[in-house]
Amino acid sequence: MLKKILLVMPKYASFYPMMTQALDSMGIQHSLFDNRKSNLAEKFIFLLSKISPQLKIFKLNLMNSRLLKKVIEYKPNLVLVIKGENLTTPTIKKVKNAVPIVNWFPDFLQDHKNVEKQIKFYSFFLHADRYEVKKYRKMGYKNFYLLAWAGMKIKSIPKKRDYDVVFVGTYNKKREEKFAPLKNLNFKIWGDVRWKKSILANNYMGKWVSSNEVIELLKKSKIVINLHQNKSYLNTMANLRVYEATSCKALLISDWWADLPKFYRIGKEIIVYRSKDDLVQKVRFYLKNELLRAKIANAGYLKTFKEHTYGNRFRELEHILHSK
């Protein structure tokens, strides 16, 4: 049974407030070790490392030593790592000798070869993509399990929606081309500065937003557009935005991926599009049909509230921990 968890992740991560809300509601103690935040000594060494690159390794080892000290002092019954790209193999092994250590990995491992080499050293390694889980289990990683992302329980949602159509995310050419037909539909984009040089520059709101700001934004939005960045057509994963948008009772209009109908009823709880023409047609339709839009958005909200919160996922995690 989960009683006391040490979370190893950046405090700015979008997962952090949602996870801590769930842990609080479940009565599970938790503490954060921010593996992206350096202390003063590490910051100083980082500056010196520009002169002597070997000092980067020294800085990395200092951070890992702080993590080991935190584990000893806090005495959790689980260490939950999100990504953990700067954890060393000796650190993972030492933690595992004392307490189960789990990595719930948010990205694709082909971009993080150092973490891929460490899979076997974790007690469990979790991923939200069914194809990735199948692939790595075939490779012999029996500690590799499926655990989807989730949303949060939000009860105070404003009735007034300030934004018609929004997208929150990084720029890439595929997104620019896909979203171009939306430019005259009161479409607003929050993301990185590359949007400034795109054909949607006039739709760009001029800044990136924090994880807390994202939730506040989505709560004020009628329609949220989603376009996954999965690596292959074989991937299945529903990304975090699916759960965030439905948590906020916005109508989600997403590109299609295999896991979406496993979690939501298409056309009843969320909407999917198959092309940019399909996307613009559906945006126009649901902007005009307010009652139907609100009905589907509310159904998606109820599904997330009941089945896809981090509370649900932590209960699934408990089953995984007891599977050995």
C-alpha atoms as a PDB file:
ATOM      1  CA  MET A   1       0.000   0.000   0.000  1.00  0.00           C
ATOM      2  CA  LEU A   2       1.280   3.446  -0.927  1.00  0.00           C
ATOM      3  CA  LYS A   3       1.875   5.483   2.226  1.00  0.00           C
ATOM      4  CA  LYS A   4       4.821   7.769   1.592  1.00  0.00           C
ATOM      5  CA  ILE A   5       6.148   8.705  -1.858  1.00  0.00           C
ATOM      6  CA  LEU A   6       9.234  10.625  -2.873  1.00  0.00           C
ATOM      7  CA  LEU A   7       8.569  12.306  -6.233  1.00  0.00           C
ATOM      8  CA  VAL A   8      11.644  12.900  -8.387  1.00  0.00           C
ATOM      9  CA  MET A   9      10.727  15.433 -11.046  1.00  0.00           C
ATOM     10  CA  PRO A  10      10.973  19.158 -11.787  1.00  0.00           C
ATOM     11  CA  LYS A  11       8.524  21.256  -9.784  1.00  0.00           C
ATOM     12  CA  TYR A  12       7.545  23.080 -12.980  1.00  0.00           C
ATOM     13  CA  ALA A  13       6.440  19.823 -14.660  1.00  0.00           C
ATOM     14  CA  SER A  14       2.800  19.761 -15.700  1.00  0.00           C
ATOM     15  CA  PHE A  15       2.400  16.423 -13.889  1.00  0.00           C
ATOM     16  CA  TYR A  16       3.421  17.787 -10.493  1.00  0.00           C
ATOM     17  CA  PRO A  17       0.316  19.747  -9.361  1.00  0.00           C
ATOM     18  CA  MET A  18      -2.021  17.042 -10.672  1.00  0.00           C
ATOM     19  CA  MET A  19      -0.123  14.257  -8.943  1.00  0.00           C
ATOM     20  CA  THR A  20       0.135  16.062  -5.619  1.00  0.00           C
ATOM     21  CA  GLN A  21      -3.584  16.884  -5.692  1.00  0.00           C
ATOM     22  CA  ALA A  22      -4.346  13.180  -6.093  1.00  0.00           C
ATOM     23  CA  LEU A  23      -1.895  12.105  -3.404  1.00  0.00           C
ATOM     24  CA  ASP A  24      -3.348  14.642  -0.967  1.00  0.00           C
ATOM     25  CA  SER A  25      -6.884  13.413  -1.647  1.00  0.00           C
ATOM     26  CA  MET A  26      -5.743   9.807  -1.056  1.00  0.00           C
ATOM     27  CA  GLY A  27      -4.030  10.693   2.212  1.00  0.00           C
ATOM     28  CA  ILE A  28      -0.613   9.647   0.881  1.00  0.00           C
ATOM     29  CA  GLN A  29       2.370  11.568   2.216  1.00  0.00           C
ATOM     30  CA  HIS A  30       4.701  12.958  -0.423  1.00  0.00           C
ATOM     31  CA  SER A  31       7.806  15.028  -0.824  1.00  0.00           C
ATOM     32  CA  LEU A  32       9.531  16.444  -3.902  1.00  0.00           C
ATOM     33  CA  PHE A  33      13.113  16.088  -5.008  1.00  0.00           C
ATOM     34  CA  ASP A  34      13.528  18.490  -7.930  1.00  0.00           C
ATOM     35  CA  ASN A  35      16.239  16.872 -10.035  1.00  0.00           C
ATOM     36  CA  ARG A  36      16.396  19.887 -12.344  1.00  0.00           C
ATOM     37  CA  LYS A  37      17.051  22.378  -9.552  1.00  0.00           C
ATOM     38  CA  SER A  38      20.683  22.917  -8.583  1.00  0.00           C
ATOM     39  CA  ASN A  39      21.921  24.179  -5.226  1.00  0.00           C
ATOM     40  CA  LEU A  40      24.438  27.034  -5.019  1.00  0.00           C
ATOM     41  CA  ALA A  41      27.476  24.765  -5.119  1.00  0.00           C
ATOM     42  CA  GLU A  42      26.176  22.963  -8.212  1.00  0.00           C
ATOM     43  CA  LYS A  43      25.414  26.259  -9.949  1.00  0.00           C
ATOM     44  CA  PHE A  44      28.965  27.439  -9.280  1.00  0.00           C
ATOM     45  CA  ILE A  45      30.422  24.181 -10.593  1.00  0.00           C
ATOM     46  CA  PHE A  46      28.230  24.489 -13.695  1.00  0.00           C
ATOM     47  CA  LEU A  47      29.807  27.878 -14.430  1.00  0.00           C
ATOM     48  CA  LEU A  48      33.278  26.409 -13.978  1.00  0.00           C
ATOM     49  CA  SER A  49      32.378  23.461 -16.239  1.00  0.00           C
ATOM     50  CA  LYS A  50      32.461  25.814 -19.214  1.00  0.00           C
ATOM     51  CA  ILE A  51      36.213  25.937 -18.629  1.00  0.00           C
ATOM     52  CA  SER A  52      36.610  22.313 -17.545  1.00  0.00           C
ATOM     53  CA  PRO A  53      33.927  19.978 -19.037  1.00  0.00           C
ATOM     54  CA  GLN A  54      34.856  17.187 -16.561  1.00  0.00           C
ATOM     55  CA  LEU A  55      33.201  19.248 -13.846  1.00  0.00           C
ATOM     56  CA  LYS A  56      29.789  18.519 -15.412  1.00  0.00           C
ATOM     57  CA  ILE A  57      30.154  14.920 -14.222  1.00  0.00           C
ATOM     58  CA  PHE A  58      31.112  16.158 -10.758  1.00  0.00           C
ATOM     59  CA  LYS A  59      27.995  18.376 -10.680  1.00  0.00           C
ATOM     60  CA  LEU A  60      25.841  15.427 -11.784  1.00  0.00           C
ATOM     61  CA  ASN A  61      27.263  13.244  -9.022  1.00  0.00           C
ATOM     62  CA  LEU A  62      26.583  15.959  -6.438  1.00  0.00           C
ATOM     63  CA  MET A  63      22.911  16.060  -7.416  1.00  0.00           C
ATOM     64  CA  ASN A  64      22.691  12.267  -7.269  1.00  0.00           C
ATOM     65  CA  SER A  65      24.291  12.310  -3.811  1.00  0.00           C
ATOM     66  CA  ARG A  66      21.641  14.767  -2.649  1.00  0.00           C
ATOM     67  CA  LEU A  67      18.951  12.417  -3.932  1.00  0.00           C
ATOM     68  CA  LEU A  68      20.427   9.459  -2.024  1.00  0.00           C
ATOM     69  CA  LYS A  69      20.577  11.568   1.126  1.00  0.00           C
ATOM     70  CA  LYS A  70      16.929  12.578   0.636  1.00  0.00           C
ATOM     71  CA  VAL A  71      15.874   8.925   0.297  1.00  0.00           C
ATOM     72  CA  ILE A  72      17.706   8.005   3.518  1.00  0.00           C
ATOM     73  CA  GLU A  73      16.260  10.933   5.477  1.00  0.00           C
ATOM     74  CA  TYR A  74      12.684  10.844   4.151  1.00  0.00           C
ATOM     75  CA  LYS A  75      12.299   7.041   4.242  1.00  0.00           C
ATOM     76  CA  PRO A  76       9.591   6.696   1.540  1.00  0.00           C
ATOM     77  CA  ASN A  77       8.031   3.363   0.648  1.00  0.00           C
ATOM     78  CA  LEU A  78       8.230   4.330  -3.037  1.00  0.00           C
ATOM     79  CA  VAL A  79      10.462   6.588  -5.127  1.00  0.00           C
ATOM     80  CA  LEU A  80       8.574   7.706  -8.237  1.00  0.00           C
ATOM     81  CA  VAL A  81      10.743   9.208 -10.966  1.00  0.00           C
ATOM     82  CA  ILE A  82       9.345  11.159 -13.897  1.00  0.00           C
ATOM     83  CA  LYS A  83      11.875  10.852 -16.728  1.00  0.00           C
ATOM     84  CA  GLY A  84      15.030  10.904 -14.549  1.00  0.00           C
ATOM     85  CA  GLU A  85      17.406  11.583 -17.409  1.00  0.00           C
ATOM     86  CA  ASN A  86      20.085  12.869 -14.984  1.00  0.00           C
ATOM     87  CA  LEU A  87      19.957   9.955 -12.551  1.00  0.00           C
ATOM     88  CA  THR A  88      23.056   7.762 -12.693  1.00  0.00           C
ATOM     89  CA  THR A  89      22.926   3.972 -12.753  1.00  0.00           C
ATOM     90  CA  PRO A  90      24.727   3.620  -9.380  1.00  0.00           C
ATOM     91  CA  THR A  91      22.122   5.928  -7.809  1.00  0.00           C
ATOM     92  CA  ILE A  92      19.218   3.900  -9.196  1.00  0.00           C
ATOM     93  CA  LYS A  93      20.800   0.662  -7.918  1.00  0.00           C
ATOM     94  CA  LYS A  94      21.416   2.095  -4.436  1.00  0.00           C
ATOM     95  CA  VAL A  95      17.861   3.394  -4.149  1.00  0.00           C
ATOM     96  CA  LYS A  96      16.452   0.073  -5.362  1.00  0.00           C
ATOM     97  CA  ASN A  97      18.362  -1.738  -2.615  1.00  0.00           C
ATOM     98  CA  ALA A  98      16.481   0.347  -0.055  1.00  0.00           C
ATOM     99  CA  VAL A  99      13.050   0.963  -1.583  1.00  0.00           C
ATOM    100  CA  PRO A 100      11.190   0.301  -4.875  1.00  0.00           C
ATOM    101  CA  ILE A 101      12.087   2.892  -7.509  1.00  0.00           C
ATOM    102  CA  VAL A 102       9.757   3.398 -10.476  1.00  0.00           C
ATOM    103  CA  ASN A 103      10.294   5.502 -13.590  1.00  0.00           C
ATOM    104  CA  TRP A 104       7.075   6.738 -15.257  1.00  0.00           C
ATOM    105  CA  PHE A 105       8.636   7.903 -18.493  1.00  0.00           C
ATOM    106  CA  PRO A 106       6.839  10.667 -20.436  1.00  0.00           C
ATOM    107  CA  ASP A 107       8.812  10.706 -23.717  1.00  0.00           C
ATOM    108  CA  PHE A 108       9.994   8.219 -26.301  1.00  0.00           C
ATOM    109  CA  LEU A 109      13.067   6.270 -25.257  1.00  0.00           C
ATOM    110  CA  GLN A 110      14.653   6.367 -28.699  1.00  0.00           C
ATOM    111  CA  ASP A 111      15.491  10.006 -27.894  1.00  0.00           C
ATOM    112  CA  HIS A 112      16.966   9.102 -24.497  1.00  0.00           C
ATOM    113  CA  LYS A 113      19.418   6.254 -24.986  1.00  0.00           C
ATOM    114  CA  ASN A 114      21.008   6.801 -21.585  1.00  0.00           C
ATOM    115  CA  VAL A 115      17.668   6.125 -19.838  1.00  0.00           C
ATOM    116  CA  GLU A 116      16.945   3.208 -22.168  1.00  0.00           C
ATOM    117  CA  LYS A 117      20.108   1.515 -20.888  1.00  0.00           C
ATOM    118  CA  GLN A 118      18.850   1.946 -17.314  1.00  0.00           C
ATOM    119  CA  ILE A 119      15.416   0.301 -17.723  1.00  0.00           C
ATOM    120  CA  LYS A 120      16.529  -2.988 -16.183  1.00  0.00           C
ATOM    121  CA  PHE A 121      17.860  -1.289 -13.054  1.00  0.00           C
ATOM    122  CA  TYR A 122      14.473   0.137 -12.024  1.00  0.00           C
ATOM    123  CA  SER A 123      12.013  -1.882  -9.975  1.00  0.00           C
ATOM    124  CA  PHE A 124       9.386  -0.987 -12.595  1.00  0.00           C
ATOM    125  CA  PHE A 125       9.472   1.126 -15.727  1.00  0.00           C
ATOM    126  CA  LEU A 126       6.163   2.628 -16.877  1.00  0.00           C
ATOM    127  CA  HIS A 127       5.090   4.094 -20.200  1.00  0.00           C
ATOM    128  CA  ALA A 128       1.780   5.383 -21.554  1.00  0.00           C
ATOM    129  CA  ASP A 129       2.203   3.909 -25.048  1.00  0.00           C
ATOM    130  CA  ARG A 130       1.003   0.346 -25.669  1.00  0.00           C
ATOM    131  CA  TYR A 131       3.334  -0.151 -28.631  1.00  0.00           C
ATOM    132  CA  GLU A 132       6.368   0.909 -26.580  1.00  0.00           C
ATOM    133  CA  VAL A 133       5.385  -1.459 -23.771  1.00  0.00           C
ATOM    134  CA  LYS A 134       4.934  -4.358 -26.191  1.00  0.00           C
ATOM    135  CA  LYS A 135       8.255  -3.565 -27.896  1.00  0.00           C
ATOM    136  CA  TYR A 136      10.323  -3.428 -24.710  1.00  0.00           C
ATOM    137  CA  ARG A 137       8.681  -6.466 -23.146  1.00  0.00           C
ATOM    138  CA  LYS A 138       9.559  -8.414 -26.309  1.00  0.00           C
ATOM    139  CA  MET A 139      13.139  -7.230 -25.778  1.00  0.00           C
ATOM    140  CA  GLY A 140      13.063  -8.965 -22.389  1.00  0.00           C
ATOM    141  CA  TYR A 141      12.231  -6.115 -20.033  1.00  0.00           C
ATOM    142  CA  LYS A 142       9.692  -7.826 -17.786  1.00  0.00           C
ATOM    143  CA  ASN A 143       9.584  -4.787 -15.482  1.00  0.00           C
ATOM    144  CA  PHE A 144       8.114  -2.639 -18.291  1.00  0.00           C
ATOM    145  CA  TYR A 145       4.409  -1.840 -17.752  1.00  0.00           C
ATOM    146  CA  LEU A 146       1.639   0.278 -19.248  1.00  0.00           C
ATOM    147  CA  LEU A 147       0.309   3.241 -17.290  1.00  0.00           C
ATOM    148  CA  ALA A 148      -1.607   5.945 -19.141  1.00  0.00           C
ATOM    149  CA  TRP A 149      -1.452   9.628 -18.309  1.00  0.00           C
ATOM    150  CA  ALA A 150      -4.327  11.289 -16.503  1.00  0.00           C
ATOM    151  CA  GLY A 151      -6.092  14.500 -15.569  1.00  0.00           C
ATOM    152  CA  MET A 152      -7.165  16.066 -12.324  1.00  0.00           C
ATOM    153  CA  LYS A 153     -10.379  16.647 -10.441  1.00  0.00           C
ATOM    154  CA  ILE A 154     -11.424  20.245 -11.061  1.00  0.00           C
ATOM    155  CA  LYS A 155     -14.661  21.352  -9.445  1.00  0.00           C
ATOM    156  CA  SER A 156     -14.510  25.152  -9.845  1.00  0.00           C
ATOM    157  CA  ILE A 157     -14.913  25.701 -13.583  1.00  0.00           C
ATOM    158  CA  PRO A 158     -16.181  29.116 -14.762  1.00  0.00           C
ATOM    159  CA  LYS A 159     -19.329  29.168 -16.873  1.00  0.00           C
ATOM    160  CA  LYS A 160     -17.984  31.950 -19.078  1.00  0.00           C
ATOM    161  CA  ARG A 161     -15.488  30.842 -21.710  1.00  0.00           C
ATOM    162  CA  ASP A 162     -13.262  33.659 -22.974  1.00  0.00           C
ATOM    163  CA  TYR A 163     -11.562  31.801 -25.831  1.00  0.00           C
ATOM    164  CA  ASP A 164     -13.228  30.107 -28.791  1.00  0.00           C
ATOM    165  CA  VAL A 165     -10.448  27.843 -30.071  1.00  0.00           C
ATOM    166  CA  VAL A 166      -7.030  27.330 -28.477  1.00  0.00           C
ATOM    167  CA  PHE A 167      -3.860  25.343 -28.910  1.00  0.00           C
ATOM    168  CA  VAL A 168      -1.081  25.155 -26.318  1.00  0.00           C
ATOM    169  CA  GLY A 169       2.186  23.622 -27.451  1.00  0.00           C
ATOM    170  CA  THR A 170       5.480  23.871 -29.247  1.00  0.00           C
ATOM    171  CA  TYR A 171       5.818  24.842 -32.884  1.00  0.00           C
ATOM    172  CA  ASN A 172       6.576  22.440 -35.676  1.00  0.00           C
ATOM    173  CA  LYS A 173       5.908  22.549 -39.416  1.00  0.00           C
ATOM    174  CA  LYS A 174       3.278  19.816 -39.282  1.00  0.00           C
ATOM    175  CA  ARG A 175       1.272  21.770 -36.719  1.00  0.00           C
ATOM    176  CA  GLU A 176       1.605  24.991 -38.686  1.00  0.00           C
ATOM    177  CA  GLU A 177       0.246  23.338 -41.846  1.00  0.00           C
ATOM    178  CA  LYS A 178      -2.527  21.492 -40.019  1.00  0.00           C
ATOM    179  CA  PHE A 179      -3.730  24.562 -38.126  1.00  0.00           C
ATOM    180  CA  ALA A 180      -3.430  27.103 -40.965  1.00  0.00           C
ATOM    181  CA  PRO A 181      -7.160  26.860 -41.929  1.00  0.00           C
ATOM    182  CA  LEU A 182      -8.086  27.936 -38.384  1.00  0.00           C
ATOM    183  CA  LYS A 183      -6.364  31.307 -38.579  1.00  0.00           C
ATOM    184  CA  ASN A 184      -9.610  33.276 -39.117  1.00  0.00           C
ATOM    185  CA  LEU A 185     -11.672  31.388 -36.530  1.00  0.00           C
ATOM    186  CA  ASN A 186     -10.574  33.358 -33.461  1.00  0.00           C
ATOM    187  CA  PHE A 187      -7.873  30.728 -32.997  1.00  0.00           C
ATOM    188  CA  LYS A 188      -5.301  31.467 -30.285  1.00  0.00           C
ATOM    189  CA  ILE A 189      -1.923  29.814 -29.739  1.00  0.00           C
ATOM    190  CA  TRP A 190       0.271  29.751 -26.667  1.00  0.00           C
ATOM    191  CA  GLY A 191       3.709  28.223 -27.150  1.00  0.00           C
ATOM    192  CA  ASP A 192       7.328  28.870 -28.038  1.00  0.00           C
ATOM    193  CA  VAL A 193       8.546  31.886 -30.007  1.00  0.00           C
ATOM    194  CA  ARG A 194       8.876  29.985 -33.299  1.00  0.00           C
ATOM    195  CA  TRP A 195       5.141  30.573 -33.784  1.00  0.00           C
ATOM    196  CA  LYS A 196       6.069  34.253 -34.334  1.00  0.00           C
ATOM    197  CA  LYS A 197       7.630  33.393 -37.698  1.00  0.00           C
ATOM    198  CA  SER A 198       4.821  31.117 -38.856  1.00  0.00           C
ATOM    199  CA  ILE A 199       1.787  31.885 -41.001  1.00  0.00           C
ATOM    200  CA  LEU A 200      -0.130  31.823 -37.708  1.00  0.00           C
ATOM    201  CA  ALA A 201       1.943  34.658 -36.199  1.00  0.00           C
ATOM    202  CA  ASN A 202      -1.181  36.785 -35.717  1.00  0.00           C
ATOM    203  CA  ASN A 203      -2.789  33.972 -33.722  1.00  0.00           C
ATOM    204  CA  TYR A 204       0.200  33.610 -31.415  1.00  0.00           C
ATOM    205  CA  MET A 205      -0.377  35.117 -27.970  1.00  0.00           C
ATOM    206  CA  GLY A 206       3.287  35.906 -27.484  1.00  0.00           C
ATOM    207  CA  LYS A 207       4.341  33.561 -24.719  1.00  0.00           C
ATOM    208  CA  TRP A 208       4.720  30.110 -23.290  1.00  0.00           C
ATOM    209  CA  VAL A 209       2.601  29.290 -20.246  1.00  0.00           C
ATOM    210  CA  SER A 210       3.373  27.376 -17.061  1.00  0.00           C
ATOM    211  CA  SER A 211       1.555  24.164 -16.115  1.00  0.00           C
ATOM    212  CA  ASN A 212      -0.752  26.057 -13.749  1.00  0.00           C
ATOM    213  CA  GLU A 213      -1.444  28.691 -16.403  1.00  0.00           C
ATOM    214  CA  VAL A 214      -2.303  25.951 -18.919  1.00  0.00           C
ATOM    215  CA  ILE A 215      -5.077  24.660 -16.671  1.00  0.00           C
ATOM    216  CA  GLU A 216      -6.464  28.171 -16.136  1.00  0.00           C
ATOM    217  CA  LEU A 217      -6.366  28.754 -19.894  1.00  0.00           C
ATOM    218  CA  LEU A 218      -8.169  25.532 -20.739  1.00  0.00           C
ATOM    219  CA  LYS A 219     -10.854  26.291 -18.153  1.00  0.00           C
ATOM    220  CA  LYS A 220     -11.631  29.456 -20.139  1.00  0.00           C
ATOM    221  CA  SER A 221     -11.662  27.741 -23.555  1.00  0.00           C
ATOM    222  CA  LYS A 222     -14.594  26.441 -25.575  1.00  0.00           C
ATOM    223  CA  ILE A 223     -12.565  24.188 -27.877  1.00  0.00           C
ATOM    224  CA  VAL A 224      -9.054  22.798 -27.332  1.00  0.00           C
ATOM    225  CA  ILE A 225      -7.150  21.523 -30.359  1.00  0.00           C
ATOM    226  CA  ASN A 226      -4.695  18.658 -29.928  1.00  0.00           C
ATOM    227  CA  LEU A 227      -2.047  17.290 -32.283  1.00  0.00           C
ATOM    228  CA  HIS A 228       0.151  14.515 -30.912  1.00  0.00           C
ATOM    229  CA  GLN A 229       3.889  14.257 -31.497  1.00  0.00           C
ATOM    230  CA  ASN A 230       4.070  10.466 -31.499  1.00  0.00           C
ATOM    231  CA  LYS A 231       7.096   9.036 -33.277  1.00  0.00           C
ATOM    232  CA  SER A 232       5.433   6.411 -35.455  1.00  0.00           C
ATOM    233  CA  TYR A 233       2.054   5.381 -36.789  1.00  0.00           C
ATOM    234  CA  LEU A 234       2.517   2.310 -34.573  1.00  0.00           C
ATOM    235  CA  ASN A 235       2.380   4.441 -31.422  1.00  0.00           C
ATOM    236  CA  THR A 236      -0.928   4.527 -29.568  1.00  0.00           C
ATOM    237  CA  MET A 237      -0.467   6.958 -26.688  1.00  0.00           C
ATOM    238  CA  ALA A 238      -3.012   9.607 -25.773  1.00  0.00           C
ATOM    239  CA  ASN A 239      -0.969  12.609 -24.663  1.00  0.00           C
ATOM    240  CA  LEU A 240      -1.404  14.677 -21.530  1.00  0.00           C
ATOM    241  CA  ARG A 241      -3.434  17.384 -23.270  1.00  0.00           C
ATOM    242  CA  VAL A 242      -6.290  14.906 -23.796  1.00  0.00           C
ATOM    243  CA  TYR A 243      -6.752  14.576 -20.048  1.00  0.00           C
ATOM    244  CA  GLU A 244      -6.059  18.236 -19.240  1.00  0.00           C
ATOM    245  CA  ALA A 245      -8.647  19.545 -21.706  1.00  0.00           C
ATOM    246  CA  THR A 246     -11.355  17.136 -20.588  1.00  0.00           C
ATOM    247  CA  SER A 247     -10.538  17.875 -16.923  1.00  0.00           C
ATOM    248  CA  CYS A 248     -11.358  21.514 -17.700  1.00  0.00           C
ATOM    249  CA  LYS A 249     -14.679  20.701 -19.386  1.00  0.00           C
ATOM    250  CA  ALA A 250     -13.480  22.056 -22.735  1.00  0.00           C
ATOM    251  CA  LEU A 251     -14.413  20.285 -25.959  1.00  0.00           C
ATOM    252  CA  LEU A 252     -11.344  18.361 -27.083  1.00  0.00           C
ATOM    253  CA  ILE A 253     -10.820  18.051 -30.846  1.00  0.00           C
ATOM    254  CA  SER A 254      -7.814  15.782 -31.313  1.00  0.00           C
ATOM    255  CA  ASP A 255      -6.009  13.964 -34.078  1.00  0.00           C
ATOM    256  CA  TRP A 256      -6.794  10.250 -33.979  1.00  0.00           C
ATOM    257  CA  TRP A 257      -4.610   7.740 -32.123  1.00  0.00           C
ATOM    258  CA  ALA A 258      -5.391   4.154 -31.261  1.00  0.00           C
ATOM    259  CA  ASP A 259      -5.760   4.625 -27.496  1.00  0.00           C
ATOM    260  CA  LEU A 260      -8.321   7.429 -27.703  1.00  0.00           C
ATOM    261  CA  PRO A 261     -11.339   5.118 -28.204  1.00  0.00           C
ATOM    262  CA  LYS A 262     -10.046   2.905 -25.377  1.00  0.00           C
ATOM    263  CA  PHE A 263     -10.463   5.786 -22.945  1.00  0.00           C
ATOM    264  CA  TYR A 264     -13.216   7.979 -24.438  1.00  0.00           C
ATOM    265  CA  ARG A 265     -16.270   7.500 -26.643  1.00  0.00           C
ATOM    266  CA  ILE A 266     -15.477   9.237 -29.917  1.00  0.00           C
ATOM    267  CA  GLY A 267     -18.208  11.687 -30.890  1.00  0.00           C
ATOM    268  CA  LYS A 268     -19.785  11.395 -27.439  1.00  0.00           C
ATOM    269  CA  GLU A 269     -16.999  12.470 -25.045  1.00  0.00           C
ATOM    270  CA  ILE A 270     -14.296  13.811 -27.370  1.00  0.00           C
ATOM    271  CA  ILE A 271     -14.048  14.643 -31.079  1.00  0.00           C
ATOM    272  CA  VAL A 272     -11.338  13.466 -33.458  1.00  0.00           C
ATOM    273  CA  TYR A 273     -10.240  14.731 -36.865  1.00  0.00           C
ATOM    274  CA  ARG A 274      -8.487  12.879 -39.682  1.00  0.00           C
ATOM    275  CA  SER A 275      -7.283  15.770 -41.880  1.00  0.00           C
ATOM    276  CA  LYS A 276      -6.925  19.546 -41.807  1.00  0.00           C
ATOM    277  CA  ASP A 277     -10.158  19.907 -43.798  1.00  0.00           C
ATOM    278  CA  ASP A 278     -11.925  17.666 -41.301  1.00  0.00           C
ATOM    279  CA  LEU A 279     -10.449  19.736 -38.481  1.00  0.00           C
ATOM    280  CA  VAL A 280     -11.668  23.092 -39.760  1.00  0.00           C
ATOM    281  CA  GLN A 281     -15.124  21.697 -40.563  1.00  0.00           C
ATOM    282  CA  LYS A 282     -15.510  20.306 -37.064  1.00  0.00           C
ATOM    283  CA  VAL A 283     -14.271  23.486 -35.409  1.00  0.00           C
ATOM    284  CA  ARG A 284     -16.798  25.537 -37.404  1.00  0.00           C
ATOM    285  CA  PHE A 285     -19.573  23.081 -36.592  1.00  0.00           C
ATOM    286  CA  TYR A 286     -18.985  22.978 -32.844  1.00  0.00           C
ATOM    287  CA  LEU A 287     -18.518  26.738 -32.572  1.00  0.00           C
ATOM    288  CA  LYS A 288     -21.999  27.130 -34.063  1.00  0.00           C
ATOM    289  CA  ASN A 289     -23.627  24.296 -32.093  1.00  0.00           C
ATOM    290  CA  GLU A 290     -23.132  25.451 -28.520  1.00  0.00           C
ATOM    291  CA  LEU A 291     -25.513  23.007 -26.810  1.00  0.00           C
ATOM    292  CA  LEU A 292     -24.009  19.948 -28.495  1.00  0.00           C
ATOM    293  CA  ARG A 293     -20.505  21.235 -27.814  1.00  0.00           C
ATOM    294  CA  ALA A 294     -21.290  21.689 -24.122  1.00  0.00           C
ATOM    295  CA  LYS A 295     -22.945  18.243 -23.944  1.00  0.00           C
ATOM    296  CA  ILE A 296     -19.895  16.442 -25.353  1.00  0.00           C
ATOM    297  CA  ALA A 297     -17.478  18.531 -23.271  1.00  0.00           C
ATOM    298  CA  ASN A 298     -19.428  17.706 -20.112  1.00  0.00           C
ATOM    299  CA  ALA A 299     -19.452  13.992 -20.963  1.00  0.00           C
ATOM    300  CA  GLY A 300     -15.679  14.068 -21.482  1.00  0.00           C
ATOM    301  CA  TYR A 301     -15.269  15.892 -18.189  1.00  0.00           C
ATOM    302  CA  LEU A 302     -17.325  13.299 -16.311  1.00  0.00           C
ATOM    303  CA  LYS A 303     -15.344  10.430 -17.869  1.00  0.00           C
ATOM    304  CA  THR A 304     -12.026  11.962 -16.822  1.00  0.00           C
ATOM    305  CA  PHE A 305     -13.367  12.839 -13.366  1.00  0.00           C
ATOM    306  CA  LYS A 306     -14.515   9.256 -12.764  1.00  0.00           C
ATOM    307  CA  GLU A 307     -11.906   7.128 -14.562  1.00  0.00           C
ATOM    308  CA  HIS A 308      -8.840   9.104 -15.646  1.00  0.00           C
ATOM    309  CA  THR A 309      -7.470  11.081 -12.725  1.00  0.00           C
ATOM    310  CA  TYR A 310      -4.100  10.549 -11.088  1.00  0.00           C
ATOM    311  CA  GLY A 311      -5.976   8.997  -8.190  1.00  0.00           C
ATOM    312  CA  ASN A 312      -7.108   6.270 -10.604  1.00  0.00           C
ATOM    313  CA  ARG A 313      -3.564   5.875 -11.909  1.00  0.00           C
ATOM    314  CA  PHE A 314      -1.996   5.617  -8.461  1.00  0.00           C
ATOM    315  CA  ARG A 315      -4.429   2.798  -7.658  1.00  0.00           C
ATOM    316  CA  GLU A 316      -3.343   1.098 -10.903  1.00  0.00           C
ATOM    317  CA  LEU A 317       0.264   1.651  -9.867  1.00  0.00           C
ATOM    318  CA  GLU A 318      -0.400  -0.168  -6.577  1.00  0.00           C
ATOM    319  CA  HIS A 319      -1.590  -3.209  -8.565  1.00  0.00           C
ATOM    320  CA  ILE A 320       1.577  -3.084 -10.687  1.00  0.00           C
ATOM    321  CA  LEU A 321       3.783  -2.891  -7.589  1.00  0.00           C
ATOM    322  CA  HIS A 322       2.116  -6.026  -6.229  1.00  0.00           C
ATOM    323  CA  SER A 323       2.331  -7.898  -9.542  1.00  0.00           C
ATOM    324  CA  LYS A 324       5.735  -9.431  -8.765  1.00  0.00           C
END
